[in-house]
Amino acid sequence: MVAYSFQRRFAEPIQTGRKTHTMRPQRKRHARVGEPVQLYCGMRTRDCFKILDPDPICILVAPILLGPWGIEIDGVQIRDWDKRNDYAVTDGFENWRQLRRFFIQTYGTGTWEGVLVKWKSVDA
């Protein structure tokens, strides 16, 4: 089982089901399709709490690339403005511009490559 930590601002969108995935840099092990994922806020701090209980199930793990031109998920490009905005909302942002700004500020680059991990609530 894999655990992911989120900033506090993402807890409510995860709890309400608006945020259904996360984009993470490559690491030794990500979640695997079919296994539970633990979603926490503030891991490794005294204010840590579990965002969802029971744990949701991983339904997709795919390579993702973000750039000024759009998103590429598992080799499929999303360049349409409305589709990029829809994607940004399901990642907990208000729109595509806000998502791009977050990634540039966090990772300091105009292009970002990583892994998309999508989950489905056990209750859904």
Protein backbone atom coordinates (compact mmCIF):
# COMPACT_ATOMS: atom_id res chain seq x y z
CA MET A 1 0.00 0.00 0.00
CA VAL A 2 1.23 3.49 -0.88
CA ALA A 3 0.54 6.72 1.03
CA TYR A 4 0.44 10.20 -0.48
CA SER A 5 0.57 13.47 1.43
CA PHE A 6 -1.34 16.55 0.32
CA GLN A 7 -1.37 20.21 1.22
CA ARG A 8 -4.30 21.18 3.44
CA ARG A 9 -5.99 23.06 0.58
CA PHE A 10 -6.51 19.77 -1.27
CA ALA A 11 -8.23 17.94 1.62
CA GLU A 12 -11.72 19.29 0.97
CA PRO A 13 -11.69 18.65 -2.81
CA ILE A 14 -10.55 15.07 -2.11
CA GLN A 15 -13.24 14.55 0.55
CA THR A 16 -16.00 15.85 -1.72
CA GLY A 17 -14.81 13.77 -4.67
CA ARG A 18 -13.87 16.77 -6.82
CA LYS A 19 -10.15 15.85 -6.75
CA THR A 20 -9.81 12.31 -8.06
CA HIS A 21 -6.12 12.02 -8.84
CA THR A 22 -2.64 13.29 -8.09
CA MET A 23 0.40 14.02 -10.20
CA ARG A 24 3.69 13.04 -8.62
CA PRO A 25 7.35 13.00 -9.62
CA GLN A 26 8.89 9.63 -10.37
CA ARG A 27 9.84 7.67 -7.26
CA LYS A 28 10.81 4.14 -6.35
CA ARG A 29 7.23 2.89 -5.98
CA HIS A 30 3.86 4.37 -6.79
CA ALA A 31 0.47 2.82 -6.21
CA ARG A 32 -0.55 -0.08 -8.44
CA VAL A 33 -3.93 -0.47 -10.09
CA GLY A 34 -6.31 -2.34 -7.79
CA GLU A 35 -4.56 -1.58 -4.51
CA PRO A 36 -5.74 0.84 -1.82
CA VAL A 37 -4.04 4.22 -1.53
CA GLN A 38 -3.78 6.14 1.71
CA LEU A 39 -4.37 9.86 1.36
CA TYR A 40 -3.07 12.08 4.16
CA CYS A 41 -2.73 15.74 4.90
CA GLY A 42 0.48 16.83 6.61
CA MET A 43 2.28 13.50 6.81
CA ARG A 44 5.25 13.45 9.16
CA THR A 45 3.83 16.33 11.21
CA ARG A 46 1.87 16.38 14.44
CA ASP A 47 -1.13 17.76 12.49
CA CYS A 48 -1.32 14.73 10.18
CA PHE A 49 -4.76 13.34 9.39
CA LYS A 50 -6.20 10.81 6.97
CA ILE A 51 -8.29 12.52 4.30
CA LEU A 52 -10.44 9.54 3.27
CA ASP A 53 -11.47 6.46 5.18
CA PRO A 54 -11.90 3.81 3.90
CA ASP A 55 -8.93 4.05 1.57
CA PRO A 56 -9.83 4.59 -2.10
CA ILE A 57 -8.66 2.13 -4.75
CA CYS A 58 -6.11 3.02 -7.42
CA ILE A 59 -7.69 2.75 -10.87
CA LEU A 60 -4.97 4.25 -13.10
CA VAL A 61 -1.24 4.86 -13.06
CA ALA A 62 0.12 6.54 -16.19
CA PRO A 63 2.99 8.74 -17.30
CA ILE A 64 2.05 12.42 -17.54
CA LEU A 65 3.72 15.43 -19.09
CA LEU A 66 2.62 19.03 -18.49
CA GLY A 67 3.76 21.90 -20.66
CA PRO A 68 2.59 25.33 -21.80
CA TRP A 69 0.90 23.61 -24.76
CA GLY A 70 -1.22 21.28 -22.58
CA ILE A 71 -1.14 17.85 -20.99
CA GLU A 72 -0.03 14.47 -22.29
CA ILE A 73 -1.35 11.44 -20.41
CA ASP A 74 -0.03 8.05 -21.42
CA GLY A 75 0.91 9.45 -24.84
CA VAL A 76 -2.44 11.17 -25.50
CA GLN A 77 -2.23 14.97 -25.79
CA ILE A 78 -4.90 17.28 -24.40
CA ARG A 79 -4.55 20.68 -26.04
CA ASP A 80 -8.17 21.86 -26.00
CA TRP A 81 -8.61 24.72 -23.50
CA ASP A 82 -11.91 23.43 -22.04
CA LYS A 83 -10.55 19.90 -21.58
CA ARG A 84 -7.42 21.28 -19.86
CA ASN A 85 -9.63 23.32 -17.53
CA ASP A 86 -11.80 20.25 -16.79
CA TYR A 87 -8.65 18.27 -15.98
CA ALA A 88 -7.34 21.03 -13.68
CA VAL A 89 -10.63 21.04 -11.74
CA THR A 90 -10.40 17.28 -11.14
CA ASP A 91 -6.91 17.91 -9.77
CA GLY A 92 -8.22 20.39 -7.20
CA PHE A 93 -7.52 23.67 -9.02
CA GLU A 94 -9.93 26.33 -10.27
CA ASN A 95 -8.59 26.22 -13.83
CA TRP A 96 -5.65 25.34 -16.08
CA ARG A 97 -3.78 28.60 -15.41
CA GLN A 98 -3.86 28.01 -11.66
CA LEU A 99 -2.56 24.44 -12.10
CA ARG A 100 0.27 25.63 -14.37
CA ARG A 101 1.22 28.40 -11.95
CA PHE A 102 1.35 25.88 -9.07
CA PHE A 103 3.65 23.52 -10.97
CA ILE A 104 5.97 26.29 -12.13
CA GLN A 105 6.22 27.69 -8.59
CA THR A 106 6.68 24.23 -7.04
CA TYR A 107 9.04 22.66 -9.57
CA GLY A 108 10.55 25.76 -11.20
CA THR A 109 10.12 24.67 -14.79
CA GLY A 110 7.75 25.23 -17.68
CA THR A 111 7.60 21.51 -18.48
CA TRP A 112 7.01 18.82 -15.87
CA GLU A 113 7.10 15.03 -16.20
CA GLY A 114 5.82 12.52 -13.69
CA VAL A 115 3.12 9.97 -12.90
CA LEU A 116 -0.65 10.36 -12.74
CA VAL A 117 -2.29 8.29 -9.99
CA LYS A 118 -6.11 8.17 -10.15
CA TRP A 119 -8.36 6.64 -7.51
CA LYS A 120 -11.97 5.72 -6.95
CA SER A 121 -13.68 5.99 -3.59
CA VAL A 122 -14.83 2.69 -2.12
CA ASP A 123 -18.19 4.34 -1.38
CA ALA A 124 -18.66 5.49 -5.01
